[in-house]
């Protein structure tokens, strides 16, 4: 059993850690409110933009595709995955679940894949597992569309040049403060990914419903000019929305993880305090027994000396 001094040091250490976890919980709570407000403000627009693009794609299926970013490739030779994770840890299983989901999805594809990581934790995990990481970007707090534009531009250029045939986004979908779901969404071509693999379908983000009646769109000045302008913008918008979803999920996961850590630390402090009291009581009892034993030994020596003195006095008498 540990000594009272060692247990006291552990209690002090746990209390110091509790102060850190409570501070991180408070910081994440303030960040998650802002991140949640941002993701909810843009989600409806992003989903509606995707729905419009799907309708445009459906209306063009019988004829020539309206835009190269809306056109699927006949043969898939190489795939690119944009992996969105956090810059920091202490978020529970948030980063681990996202990396595991991306690797699981890629493993089911069976096609050569290259990664572009957004966030340091995903980059480190991919490098450790010897995955081909061709580019990395920081996952800044409160990102703007300008921060996301380089990632979207790189993906569009690689897709149009034929360097990659499909581009996916692996991110965490924000559902609520307690629930976040790792998801994979096809970014390019801008259309839902279809597969017969049940496992892959579970990992894919559900696409918005396309209206059964094909909508007719009128373009001014012409379809080519309009689509050349809006389709790349909508591509960047889908990526931007994924980053917002991931950040809201990250802050929520970190807040919950730090709250659980604080609660566990409080429970551990109670248990350690009980152990400390027991160890202290045992030490006091041992000291009392030593004193009693010493007193009895001393009394025995005193009795012996008294007997010797009494015998010597009797002899001289």
Protein backbone atom coordinates (compact mmCIF):
# COMPACT_ATOMS: atom_id res chain seq x y z
CA UNK A 1 0.00 0.00 0.00
CA UNK A 2 1.29 3.47 -0.89
CA UNK A 3 2.34 5.76 1.90
CA UNK A 4 0.27 8.75 2.99
CA UNK A 5 2.84 11.13 1.50
CA UNK A 6 2.70 9.44 -1.91
CA UNK A 7 -1.10 9.46 -1.93
CA UNK A 8 -1.11 13.14 -0.96
CA UNK A 9 1.14 13.90 -3.94
CA UNK A 10 -1.24 12.04 -6.23
CA UNK A 11 -4.21 14.00 -4.88
CA UNK A 12 -2.38 17.25 -5.53
CA UNK A 13 -1.51 16.12 -9.07
CA UNK A 14 -5.10 15.09 -9.83
CA UNK A 15 -6.42 18.43 -8.57
CA UNK A 16 -3.97 20.29 -10.83
CA UNK A 17 -5.12 18.23 -13.81
CA UNK A 18 -8.75 18.97 -12.89
CA UNK A 19 -8.05 22.70 -13.10
CA UNK A 20 -6.67 22.22 -16.62
CA UNK A 21 -9.58 20.07 -17.81
CA UNK A 22 -12.13 22.53 -16.44
CA UNK A 23 -10.38 25.41 -18.19
CA UNK A 24 -10.35 23.47 -21.48
CA UNK A 25 -14.01 22.58 -21.02
CA UNK A 26 -14.93 26.24 -20.54
CA UNK A 27 -12.89 27.27 -23.59
CA UNK A 28 -14.44 24.57 -25.77
CA UNK A 29 -17.93 25.51 -24.53
CA UNK A 30 -17.46 29.08 -25.73
CA UNK A 31 -16.01 27.92 -29.05
CA UNK A 32 -18.70 25.34 -29.70
CA UNK A 33 -21.43 27.96 -29.42
CA UNK A 34 -19.81 30.08 -32.12
CA UNK A 35 -19.01 27.07 -34.31
CA UNK A 36 -22.54 25.71 -33.97
CA UNK A 37 -24.04 29.06 -34.91
CA UNK A 38 -21.83 29.24 -38.02
CA UNK A 39 -22.52 25.71 -39.20
CA UNK A 40 -26.28 26.04 -38.76
CA UNK A 41 -26.30 29.40 -40.53
CA UNK A 42 -24.66 28.00 -43.67
CA UNK A 43 -25.99 24.44 -43.69
CA UNK A 44 -29.32 25.21 -45.37
CA UNK A 45 -27.63 27.19 -48.14
CA UNK A 46 -25.00 24.50 -48.77
CA UNK A 47 -27.59 21.72 -48.92
CA UNK A 48 -29.80 23.72 -51.27
CA UNK A 49 -26.83 24.48 -53.53
CA UNK A 50 -26.00 20.78 -53.67
CA UNK A 51 -29.62 19.94 -54.46
CA UNK A 52 -29.62 22.42 -57.36
CA UNK A 53 -26.43 20.93 -58.74
CA UNK A 54 -27.90 17.44 -58.55
CA UNK A 55 -30.95 18.64 -60.43
CA UNK A 56 -28.72 20.21 -63.07
CA UNK A 57 -26.78 16.98 -63.34
CA UNK A 58 -29.98 14.97 -63.70
CA UNK A 59 -31.31 17.27 -66.43
CA UNK A 60 -28.07 16.78 -68.38
CA UNK A 61 -27.93 12.99 -68.18
CA UNK A 62 -29.73 12.52 -71.49
CA UNK A 63 -27.46 14.90 -73.34
CA UNK A 64 -24.01 16.40 -73.12
CA UNK A 65 -22.86 17.14 -69.56
CA UNK A 66 -23.16 20.81 -68.70
CA UNK A 67 -19.83 21.13 -66.91
CA UNK A 68 -16.70 18.93 -66.51
CA UNK A 69 -17.01 19.05 -62.68
CA UNK A 70 -20.45 17.46 -63.02
CA UNK A 71 -19.26 14.65 -65.30
CA UNK A 72 -18.26 11.26 -63.88
CA UNK A 73 -15.26 9.47 -65.36
CA UNK A 74 -15.76 6.23 -67.25
CA UNK A 75 -12.70 4.66 -65.58
CA UNK A 76 -11.47 5.46 -62.06
CA UNK A 77 -7.69 5.16 -61.84
CA UNK A 78 -6.85 7.37 -58.89
CA UNK A 79 -8.79 8.90 -56.00
CA UNK A 80 -8.04 11.83 -53.74
CA UNK A 81 -9.32 12.10 -50.16
CA UNK A 82 -9.41 15.39 -48.26
CA UNK A 83 -9.13 14.33 -44.60
CA UNK A 84 -10.35 16.92 -42.08
CA UNK A 85 -9.22 16.49 -38.49
CA UNK A 86 -8.21 18.75 -35.58
CA UNK A 87 -4.98 20.60 -34.95
CA UNK A 88 -4.92 19.44 -31.33
CA UNK A 89 -5.89 16.41 -29.31
CA UNK A 90 -7.76 16.10 -26.00
CA UNK A 91 -11.00 15.60 -27.93
CA UNK A 92 -11.76 12.03 -26.96
CA UNK A 93 -11.97 9.66 -29.92
CA UNK A 94 -12.77 12.44 -32.42
CA UNK A 95 -9.55 12.28 -34.45
CA UNK A 96 -9.14 8.52 -34.12
CA UNK A 97 -12.67 7.83 -35.37
CA UNK A 98 -12.22 10.12 -38.36
CA UNK A 99 -8.91 8.57 -39.42
CA UNK A 100 -10.31 5.07 -38.94
CA UNK A 101 -13.38 5.91 -41.04
CA UNK A 102 -11.27 7.33 -43.88
CA UNK A 103 -8.97 4.30 -43.94
CA UNK A 104 -11.93 1.96 -43.80
CA UNK A 105 -13.63 3.68 -46.74
CA UNK A 106 -10.43 3.76 -48.78
CA UNK A 107 -9.80 0.10 -48.04
CA UNK A 108 -13.18 -0.76 -49.54
CA UNK A 109 -12.47 1.27 -52.68
CA UNK A 110 -9.55 -0.83 -53.83
CA UNK A 111 -8.17 2.06 -55.92
CA UNK A 112 -4.88 4.00 -55.52
CA UNK A 113 -5.51 6.92 -53.19
CA UNK A 114 -3.65 10.07 -52.21
CA UNK A 115 -4.48 12.24 -49.20
CA UNK A 116 -4.70 15.95 -48.58
CA UNK A 117 -4.90 16.55 -44.84
CA UNK A 118 -6.56 19.51 -43.14
CA UNK A 119 -5.41 19.44 -39.53
CA UNK A 120 -2.21 18.28 -37.86
CA UNK A 121 -3.63 15.18 -36.12
CA UNK A 122 -4.79 13.63 -39.38
CA UNK A 123 -1.47 14.40 -41.04
CA UNK A 124 0.50 12.78 -38.23
CA UNK A 125 -1.70 9.67 -38.25
CA UNK A 126 -1.42 9.24 -42.02
CA UNK A 127 2.34 9.71 -42.00
CA UNK A 128 2.72 7.19 -39.17
CA UNK A 129 0.67 4.65 -41.15
CA UNK A 130 2.76 5.39 -44.28
CA UNK A 131 -0.15 6.71 -46.34
CA UNK A 132 0.59 8.94 -49.37
CA UNK A 133 0.05 12.51 -48.12
CA UNK A 134 0.61 14.92 -51.03
CA UNK A 135 -0.41 18.16 -49.31
CA UNK A 136 -1.32 19.47 -45.88
CA UNK A 137 -3.22 22.51 -44.68
CA UNK A 138 -3.83 23.89 -41.18
CA UNK A 139 -7.30 23.70 -39.69
CA UNK A 140 -7.64 27.25 -38.39
CA UNK A 141 -10.33 28.37 -35.99
CA UNK A 142 -13.15 30.39 -37.53
CA UNK A 143 -12.08 29.76 -41.14
CA UNK A 144 -13.32 31.88 -44.03
CA UNK A 145 -14.07 30.84 -47.58
CA UNK A 146 -10.73 32.38 -48.57
CA UNK A 147 -8.94 29.97 -46.23
CA UNK A 148 -10.61 27.02 -47.95
CA UNK A 149 -10.15 28.28 -51.53
CA UNK A 150 -6.58 26.90 -51.99
CA UNK A 151 -7.74 23.39 -51.06
CA UNK A 152 -10.74 23.59 -53.40
CA UNK A 153 -8.65 25.08 -56.23
CA UNK A 154 -6.06 22.30 -55.92
CA UNK A 155 -8.79 19.64 -56.06
CA UNK A 156 -10.48 21.23 -59.08
CA UNK A 157 -7.20 21.55 -60.98
CA UNK A 158 -6.21 17.95 -60.30
CA UNK A 159 -9.65 16.71 -61.34
CA UNK A 160 -9.81 18.74 -64.55
CA UNK A 161 -6.26 17.77 -65.52
CA UNK A 162 -7.07 14.08 -65.06
CA UNK A 163 -4.52 13.63 -62.28
CA UNK A 164 -7.32 12.25 -60.10
CA UNK A 165 -10.67 10.87 -61.19
CA UNK A 166 -12.63 11.32 -57.96
CA UNK A 167 -12.29 13.56 -54.91
CA UNK A 168 -13.82 12.71 -51.53
CA UNK A 169 -14.09 14.67 -48.29
CA UNK A 170 -13.71 12.74 -45.04
CA UNK A 171 -15.06 14.85 -42.19
CA UNK A 172 -17.20 14.64 -39.05
CA UNK A 173 -20.84 15.61 -39.46
CA UNK A 174 -22.17 17.70 -36.57
CA UNK A 175 -25.51 16.37 -35.33
CA UNK A 176 -25.68 17.82 -31.83
CA UNK A 177 -23.40 18.54 -28.90
CA UNK A 178 -23.26 14.90 -27.82
CA UNK A 179 -23.37 13.21 -31.24
CA UNK A 180 -20.94 13.58 -34.14
CA UNK A 181 -20.80 11.15 -37.05
CA UNK A 182 -17.71 10.57 -39.25
CA UNK A 183 -18.80 10.78 -42.86
CA UNK A 184 -17.37 10.62 -46.38
CA UNK A 185 -18.81 12.76 -49.18
CA UNK A 186 -17.93 12.82 -52.85
CA UNK A 187 -16.79 16.31 -53.80
CA UNK A 188 -15.85 15.76 -57.45
CA UNK A 189 -17.67 15.03 -59.59
CA UNK A 190 -20.46 16.92 -57.85
CA UNK A 191 -22.86 14.02 -57.61
CA UNK A 192 -23.76 11.34 -55.04
CA UNK A 193 -21.44 8.36 -54.91
CA UNK A 194 -23.26 5.16 -55.79
CA UNK A 195 -22.09 1.76 -54.58
CA UNK A 196 -23.48 -1.65 -53.77
CA UNK A 197 -21.17 -2.02 -50.77
CA UNK A 198 -23.31 -1.82 -47.63
CA UNK A 199 -20.38 -0.81 -45.44
CA UNK A 200 -19.44 2.06 -47.73
CA UNK A 201 -23.04 3.27 -47.89
CA UNK A 202 -23.08 3.49 -44.09
CA UNK A 203 -20.04 5.78 -44.19
CA UNK A 204 -21.32 8.05 -46.98
CA UNK A 205 -23.19 11.26 -46.30
CA UNK A 206 -26.79 11.09 -47.45
CA UNK A 207 -27.39 13.18 -50.54
CA UNK A 208 -30.35 15.58 -50.76
CA UNK A 209 -33.36 14.28 -52.63
CA UNK A 210 -33.59 15.14 -56.30
CA UNK A 211 -37.03 16.14 -57.50
CA UNK A 212 -38.74 13.47 -59.59
CA UNK A 213 -39.68 15.96 -62.30
CA UNK A 214 -36.66 17.28 -64.19
CA UNK A 215 -36.38 21.01 -63.69
CA UNK A 216 -35.68 23.27 -66.65
CA UNK A 217 -33.09 25.96 -65.97
CA UNK A 218 -32.66 29.13 -68.01
CA UNK A 219 -29.17 30.62 -68.14
CA UNK A 220 -28.25 34.24 -68.80
CA UNK A 221 -26.12 35.03 -70.74
CA UNK A 222 -25.54 31.31 -71.46
CA UNK A 223 -25.22 28.00 -69.64
CA UNK A 224 -21.48 27.63 -70.16
CA UNK A 225 -20.61 31.05 -68.75
CA UNK A 226 -22.88 30.68 -65.72
CA UNK A 227 -21.84 27.14 -64.86
CA UNK A 228 -18.14 27.92 -65.31
CA UNK A 229 -18.62 30.54 -62.60
CA UNK A 230 -20.93 28.88 -60.11
CA UNK A 231 -19.86 25.23 -60.18
CA UNK A 232 -16.31 25.89 -58.84
CA UNK A 233 -17.84 28.21 -56.24
CA UNK A 234 -20.30 25.54 -55.16
CA UNK A 235 -17.41 23.07 -54.97
CA UNK A 236 -15.59 25.37 -52.56
CA UNK A 237 -18.84 25.87 -50.65
CA UNK A 238 -19.28 22.13 -50.03
CA UNK A 239 -15.72 21.90 -48.75
CA UNK A 240 -16.21 24.99 -46.57
CA UNK A 241 -19.37 23.50 -45.07
CA UNK A 242 -17.52 20.26 -44.31
CA UNK A 243 -14.81 22.21 -42.46
CA UNK A 244 -17.46 24.06 -40.43
CA UNK A 245 -19.18 20.78 -39.57
CA UNK A 246 -15.84 19.28 -38.51
CA UNK A 247 -14.93 22.23 -36.29
CA UNK A 248 -18.29 22.22 -34.52
CA UNK A 249 -17.86 18.49 -33.98
CA UNK A 250 -14.32 18.95 -32.71
CA UNK A 251 -15.20 21.57 -30.10
CA UNK A 252 -18.22 19.56 -28.97
CA UNK A 253 -16.15 16.39 -28.63
CA UNK A 254 -13.44 18.24 -26.70
CA UNK A 255 -15.97 19.88 -24.36
CA UNK A 256 -17.60 16.52 -23.58
CA UNK A 257 -14.22 14.80 -23.17
CA UNK A 258 -12.95 17.45 -20.77
CA UNK A 259 -16.18 17.34 -18.80
CA UNK A 260 -15.87 13.58 -18.44
CA UNK A 261 -12.22 13.97 -17.46
CA UNK A 262 -13.14 16.51 -14.79
CA UNK A 263 -15.85 14.23 -13.41
CA UNK A 264 -13.49 11.25 -13.37
CA UNK A 265 -10.81 13.34 -11.67
CA UNK A 266 -13.29 14.40 -9.00
CA UNK A 267 -14.21 10.77 -8.36
CA UNK A 268 -10.55 9.79 -8.29
CA UNK A 269 -9.84 12.56 -5.77
CA UNK A 270 -12.53 11.17 -3.46
CA UNK A 271 -11.09 7.65 -3.71
CA UNK A 272 -7.54 8.88 -3.13
CA UNK A 273 -8.68 10.94 -0.14
CA UNK A 274 -10.24 7.83 1.38
CA UNK A 275 -7.01 5.91 0.79
CA UNK A 276 -5.03 8.79 2.29
CA UNK A 277 -7.17 8.78 5.43
CA UNK A 278 -6.77 5.01 5.76
CA UNK A 279 -3.01 5.22 5.25
CA UNK A 280 -2.74 8.10 7.74
CA UNK A 281 -4.83 6.23 10.28
CA UNK A 282 -2.70 3.12 9.78
CA UNK A 283 0.47 5.18 10.25
CA UNK A 284 -0.91 6.75 13.45
CA UNK A 285 -1.94 3.34 14.76
CA UNK A 286 1.51 1.97 14.01
CA UNK A 287 3.12 4.89 15.84
CA UNK A 288 0.85 4.36 18.86
CA UNK A 289 1.72 0.68 18.91
CA UNK A 290 5.42 1.55 18.76
CA UNK A 291 5.00 3.96 21.67
CA UNK A 292 3.08 1.41 23.69
CA UNK A 293 5.65 -1.27 22.89
CA UNK A 294 8.48 1.08 23.84
CA UNK A 295 6.72 2.05 27.08
CA UNK A 296 6.22 -1.61 28.00
CA UNK A 297 9.87 -2.40 27.24
CA UNK A 298 10.99 0.58 29.31
CA UNK A 299 8.72 -0.47 32.17
CA UNK A 300 10.28 -3.92 32.05
CA UNK A 301 13.77 -2.43 32.32
CA UNK A 302 12.64 -0.21 35.19
CA UNK A 303 11.22 -3.24 37.02
CA UNK A 304 14.50 -5.14 36.54
CA UNK A 305 16.55 -2.23 37.91
CA UNK A 306 14.17 -1.88 40.84
CA UNK A 307 14.48 -5.58 41.60
CA UNK A 308 18.26 -5.38 41.49
CA UNK A 309 18.29 -2.37 43.79
CA UNK A 310 15.90 -4.06 46.19
CA UNK A 311 18.04 -7.23 46.25
CA UNK A 312 21.25 -5.24 46.84
CA UNK A 313 19.66 -3.31 49.67
CA UNK A 314 18.41 -6.54 51.24
CA UNK A 315 21.92 -8.06 50.99
CA UNK A 316 23.61 -5.14 52.67
CA UNK A 317 21.01 -5.16 55.44
